[in-house]
Amino acid sequence: MAAAVQGLLARRIIPALGERRSIVIGLCNATFFMSLYGLATQGWMVYVLLVVGSFGSIAMPAIQGLISRSVPPDEQGAVQGSLSSLSSVAGIIAPR
């Protein structure tokens, strides 16, 4: 679901809301629905939550766009590499 939102809908949602608003809405959505995933008592509830909760994934493309516009063109590779590294470290550290 997150891949579908990032790949298909983010191109329409982010310009409509603006990057900063997309970041705030996306992170609030992700936080709220991650909490609800933990509170789900039945398996079917997770599938229902995934439909709306997946819209939290608009935050990452908006963050990347905002950051990439704030650095000069000759530093784009370093910035994108740093973002990828941070994402990897977070994936290792985060509980599963």
N, C-alpha and C. Protein backbone atom coordinates (compact mmCIF):
# COMPACT_ATOMS: atom_id res chain seq x y z
N MET A 1 0.83 -1.19 0.00
CA MET A 1 0.00 0.00 0.00
C MET A 1 0.87 1.26 0.00
N ALA A 2 1.93 1.25 0.83
CA ALA A 2 2.81 2.42 0.90
C ALA A 2 3.50 2.65 -0.44
N ALA A 3 3.90 1.58 -1.10
CA ALA A 3 4.54 1.71 -2.41
C ALA A 3 3.57 2.29 -3.44
N ALA A 4 2.32 1.88 -3.37
CA ALA A 4 1.33 2.41 -4.30
C ALA A 4 1.10 3.90 -4.05
N VAL A 5 1.02 4.28 -2.79
CA VAL A 5 0.82 5.70 -2.48
C VAL A 5 2.03 6.52 -2.92
N GLN A 6 3.24 6.04 -2.60
CA GLN A 6 4.44 6.78 -2.98
C GLN A 6 4.61 6.84 -4.48
N GLY A 7 4.35 5.72 -5.16
CA GLY A 7 4.58 5.66 -6.60
C GLY A 7 3.50 6.30 -7.44
N LEU A 8 2.27 6.24 -7.00
CA LEU A 8 1.17 6.71 -7.84
C LEU A 8 0.50 7.99 -7.34
N LEU A 9 0.27 8.08 -6.05
CA LEU A 9 -0.52 9.19 -5.54
C LEU A 9 0.29 10.37 -5.04
N ALA A 10 1.54 10.13 -4.64
CA ALA A 10 2.35 11.21 -4.07
C ALA A 10 2.54 12.35 -5.06
N ARG A 11 2.62 12.03 -6.35
CA ARG A 11 2.79 13.07 -7.38
C ARG A 11 1.61 14.03 -7.45
N ARG A 12 0.47 13.58 -7.03
CA ARG A 12 -0.71 14.44 -7.04
C ARG A 12 -0.98 15.07 -5.68
N ILE A 13 -0.73 14.31 -4.62
CA ILE A 13 -1.04 14.79 -3.27
C ILE A 13 -0.08 15.88 -2.82
N ILE A 14 1.23 15.66 -3.01
CA ILE A 14 2.23 16.61 -2.51
C ILE A 14 2.11 17.98 -3.15
N PRO A 15 1.98 18.09 -4.48
CA PRO A 15 1.79 19.43 -5.05
C PRO A 15 0.49 20.11 -4.59
N ALA A 16 -0.53 19.31 -4.37
CA ALA A 16 -1.81 19.89 -3.94
C ALA A 16 -1.74 20.43 -2.52
N LEU A 17 -1.04 19.71 -1.63
CA LEU A 17 -0.95 20.13 -0.23
C LEU A 17 0.25 21.04 0.03
N GLY A 18 1.30 20.91 -0.76
CA GLY A 18 2.55 21.58 -0.48
C GLY A 18 3.45 20.64 0.30
N GLU A 19 4.77 20.84 0.18
CA GLU A 19 5.69 19.90 0.81
C GLU A 19 5.61 19.91 2.33
N ARG A 20 5.63 21.09 2.91
CA ARG A 20 5.63 21.16 4.38
C ARG A 20 4.35 20.58 4.97
N ARG A 21 3.23 20.89 4.39
CA ARG A 21 1.96 20.34 4.89
C ARG A 21 1.90 18.83 4.66
N SER A 22 2.44 18.37 3.53
CA SER A 22 2.47 16.92 3.27
C SER A 22 3.32 16.20 4.30
N ILE A 23 4.43 16.81 4.70
CA ILE A 23 5.30 16.20 5.71
C ILE A 23 4.54 16.09 7.04
N VAL A 24 3.93 17.18 7.46
CA VAL A 24 3.21 17.18 8.75
C VAL A 24 2.05 16.19 8.72
N ILE A 25 1.25 16.23 7.68
CA ILE A 25 0.11 15.33 7.58
C ILE A 25 0.57 13.88 7.48
N GLY A 26 1.60 13.63 6.68
CA GLY A 26 2.10 12.27 6.53
C GLY A 26 2.65 11.70 7.83
N LEU A 27 3.44 12.49 8.56
CA LEU A 27 4.01 12.00 9.82
C LEU A 27 2.93 11.83 10.89
N CYS A 28 1.98 12.74 10.95
CA CYS A 28 0.87 12.58 11.91
C CYS A 28 0.04 11.35 11.58
N ASN A 29 -0.24 11.16 10.30
CA ASN A 29 -0.99 9.99 9.86
C ASN A 29 -0.25 8.71 10.23
N ALA A 30 1.04 8.66 9.93
CA ALA A 30 1.83 7.46 10.23
C ALA A 30 1.87 7.18 11.73
N THR A 31 2.06 8.21 12.53
CA THR A 31 2.11 8.04 13.98
C THR A 31 0.78 7.51 14.51
N PHE A 32 -0.31 8.12 14.08
CA PHE A 32 -1.64 7.71 14.54
C PHE A 32 -1.95 6.27 14.16
N PHE A 33 -1.70 5.93 12.90
CA PHE A 33 -2.07 4.60 12.44
C PHE A 33 -1.11 3.52 12.94
N MET A 34 0.14 3.86 13.18
CA MET A 34 1.05 2.87 13.81
C MET A 34 0.55 2.53 15.21
N SER A 35 0.04 3.53 15.92
CA SER A 35 -0.54 3.28 17.24
C SER A 35 -1.77 2.38 17.13
N LEU A 36 -2.59 2.64 16.13
CA LEU A 36 -3.79 1.82 15.94
C LEU A 36 -3.45 0.39 15.54
N TYR A 37 -2.37 0.21 14.77
CA TYR A 37 -1.95 -1.16 14.41
C TYR A 37 -1.66 -1.95 15.69
N GLY A 38 -1.01 -1.30 16.63
CA GLY A 38 -0.68 -1.96 17.89
C GLY A 38 -1.89 -2.26 18.75
N LEU A 39 -2.95 -1.50 18.57
CA LEU A 39 -4.16 -1.70 19.36
C LEU A 39 -5.18 -2.63 18.70
N ALA A 40 -4.91 -3.01 17.47
CA ALA A 40 -5.84 -3.90 16.75
C ALA A 40 -5.93 -5.24 17.46
N THR A 41 -7.15 -5.70 17.67
CA THR A 41 -7.37 -6.96 18.37
C THR A 41 -7.70 -8.12 17.41
N GLN A 42 -8.02 -7.79 16.18
CA GLN A 42 -8.35 -8.80 15.18
C GLN A 42 -7.49 -8.56 13.93
N GLY A 43 -7.17 -9.61 13.23
CA GLY A 43 -6.34 -9.49 12.04
C GLY A 43 -6.95 -8.64 10.94
N TRP A 44 -8.27 -8.73 10.77
CA TRP A 44 -8.93 -7.96 9.72
C TRP A 44 -8.81 -6.47 9.94
N MET A 45 -8.66 -6.05 11.20
CA MET A 45 -8.56 -4.61 11.50
C MET A 45 -7.31 -4.00 10.87
N VAL A 46 -6.25 -4.76 10.82
CA VAL A 46 -5.00 -4.26 10.25
C VAL A 46 -5.20 -3.94 8.77
N TYR A 47 -5.93 -4.78 8.06
CA TYR A 47 -6.16 -4.53 6.64
C TYR A 47 -6.98 -3.27 6.41
N VAL A 48 -7.94 -3.03 7.26
CA VAL A 48 -8.74 -1.80 7.16
C VAL A 48 -7.86 -0.58 7.44
N LEU A 49 -7.03 -0.68 8.47
CA LEU A 49 -6.16 0.43 8.83
C LEU A 49 -5.11 0.71 7.76
N LEU A 50 -4.67 -0.33 7.06
CA LEU A 50 -3.67 -0.15 6.01
C LEU A 50 -4.15 0.77 4.90
N VAL A 51 -5.41 0.72 4.57
CA VAL A 51 -5.93 1.52 3.47
C VAL A 51 -5.74 3.01 3.74
N VAL A 52 -6.11 3.48 4.92
CA VAL A 52 -5.98 4.90 5.24
C VAL A 52 -4.59 5.21 5.78
N GLY A 53 -4.02 4.30 6.53
CA GLY A 53 -2.71 4.52 7.14
C GLY A 53 -1.58 4.62 6.13
N SER A 54 -1.77 4.04 4.96
CA SER A 54 -0.71 4.07 3.94
C SER A 54 -0.47 5.49 3.41
N PHE A 55 -1.39 6.39 3.61
CA PHE A 55 -1.19 7.77 3.16
C PHE A 55 -0.13 8.50 3.97
N GLY A 56 0.30 7.91 5.08
CA GLY A 56 1.41 8.46 5.83
C GLY A 56 2.72 8.39 5.07
N SER A 57 2.77 7.54 4.05
CA SER A 57 4.00 7.39 3.28
C SER A 57 4.25 8.54 2.31
N ILE A 58 3.39 9.55 2.29
CA ILE A 58 3.67 10.73 1.46
C ILE A 58 4.74 11.60 2.11
N ALA A 59 5.03 11.36 3.37
CA ALA A 59 6.00 12.21 4.08
C ALA A 59 7.41 12.07 3.51
N MET A 60 7.84 10.85 3.23
CA MET A 60 9.23 10.64 2.79
C MET A 60 9.54 11.30 1.46
N PRO A 61 8.72 11.15 0.42
CA PRO A 61 9.03 11.87 -0.82
C PRO A 61 9.01 13.39 -0.64
N ALA A 62 8.13 13.88 0.22
CA ALA A 62 8.08 15.33 0.47
C ALA A 62 9.35 15.79 1.20
N ILE A 63 9.82 14.99 2.16
CA ILE A 63 11.05 15.32 2.87
C ILE A 63 12.23 15.31 1.92
N GLN A 64 12.32 14.30 1.07
CA GLN A 64 13.42 14.23 0.12
C GLN A 64 13.40 15.41 -0.85
N GLY A 65 12.23 15.80 -1.30
CA GLY A 65 12.13 16.95 -2.20
C GLY A 65 12.55 18.24 -1.53
N LEU A 66 12.11 18.42 -0.31
CA LEU A 66 12.45 19.64 0.44
C LEU A 66 13.95 19.71 0.70
N ILE A 67 14.54 18.60 1.11
CA ILE A 67 15.97 18.59 1.39
C ILE A 67 16.78 18.76 0.12
N SER A 68 16.39 18.09 -0.96
CA SER A 68 17.18 18.17 -2.19
C SER A 68 17.16 19.57 -2.79
N ARG A 69 16.12 20.32 -2.57
CA ARG A 69 16.09 21.70 -3.07
C ARG A 69 16.89 22.67 -2.20
N SER A 70 17.28 22.23 -1.01
CA SER A 70 18.00 23.13 -0.11
C SER A 70 19.52 22.99 -0.23
N VAL A 71 20.00 22.08 -1.07
CA VAL A 71 21.44 21.91 -1.25
C VAL A 71 21.81 22.17 -2.71
N PRO A 72 23.06 22.57 -2.95
CA PRO A 72 23.50 22.81 -4.32
C PRO A 72 23.53 21.52 -5.15
N PRO A 73 23.46 21.66 -6.47
CA PRO A 73 23.44 20.47 -7.35
C PRO A 73 24.65 19.55 -7.18
N ASP A 74 25.82 20.10 -6.85
CA ASP A 74 27.00 19.26 -6.73
C ASP A 74 27.04 18.45 -5.43
N GLU A 75 26.07 18.65 -4.54
CA GLU A 75 26.00 17.90 -3.28
C GLU A 75 24.79 16.97 -3.22
N GLN A 76 24.05 16.85 -4.32
CA GLN A 76 22.84 16.03 -4.33
C GLN A 76 23.14 14.56 -4.00
N GLY A 77 24.20 14.02 -4.56
CA GLY A 77 24.54 12.62 -4.31
C GLY A 77 24.83 12.36 -2.84
N ALA A 78 25.57 13.28 -2.22
CA ALA A 78 25.90 13.11 -0.80
C ALA A 78 24.65 13.18 0.06
N VAL A 79 23.74 14.07 -0.28
CA VAL A 79 22.51 14.21 0.50
C VAL A 79 21.63 12.98 0.35
N GLN A 80 21.44 12.52 -0.88
CA GLN A 80 20.60 11.34 -1.10
C GLN A 80 21.23 10.10 -0.48
N GLY A 81 22.57 10.00 -0.52
CA GLY A 81 23.25 8.89 0.12
C GLY A 81 23.09 8.92 1.63
N SER A 82 23.15 10.12 2.21
CA SER A 82 22.96 10.26 3.66
C SER A 82 21.54 9.86 4.06
N LEU A 83 20.56 10.29 3.28
CA LEU A 83 19.18 9.91 3.58
C LEU A 83 18.99 8.40 3.50
N SER A 84 19.59 7.79 2.50
CA SER A 84 19.49 6.33 2.36
C SER A 84 20.18 5.62 3.52
N SER A 85 21.33 6.13 3.93
CA SER A 85 22.05 5.53 5.06
C SER A 85 21.24 5.64 6.34
N LEU A 86 20.66 6.80 6.59
CA LEU A 86 19.85 6.98 7.79
C LEU A 86 18.64 6.05 7.79
N SER A 87 18.05 5.88 6.63
CA SER A 87 16.91 4.98 6.51
C SER A 87 17.33 3.54 6.80
N SER A 88 18.49 3.15 6.32
CA SER A 88 18.99 1.80 6.58
C SER A 88 19.29 1.57 8.05
N VAL A 89 19.93 2.55 8.69
CA VAL A 89 20.25 2.43 10.11
C VAL A 89 18.96 2.37 10.92
N ALA A 90 17.97 3.18 10.56
CA ALA A 90 16.69 3.14 11.27
C ALA A 90 16.02 1.79 11.11
N GLY A 91 16.14 1.19 9.92
CA GLY A 91 15.57 -0.13 9.70
C GLY A 91 16.24 -1.20 10.52
N ILE A 92 17.54 -1.04 10.78
CA ILE A 92 18.26 -2.02 11.59
C ILE A 92 17.91 -1.87 13.06
N ILE A 93 17.84 -0.62 13.52
CA ILE A 93 17.61 -0.34 14.94
C ILE A 93 16.16 -0.57 15.35
N ALA A 94 15.22 -0.28 14.45
CA ALA A 94 13.80 -0.33 14.77
C ALA A 94 13.38 -1.75 15.17
N PRO A 95 12.54 -1.87 16.17
CA PRO A 95 12.06 -3.21 16.55
C PRO A 95 11.15 -3.79 15.48
N ARG A 96 11.20 -5.07 15.35
CA ARG A 96 10.36 -5.74 14.35
C ARG A 96 9.37 -6.63 15.01
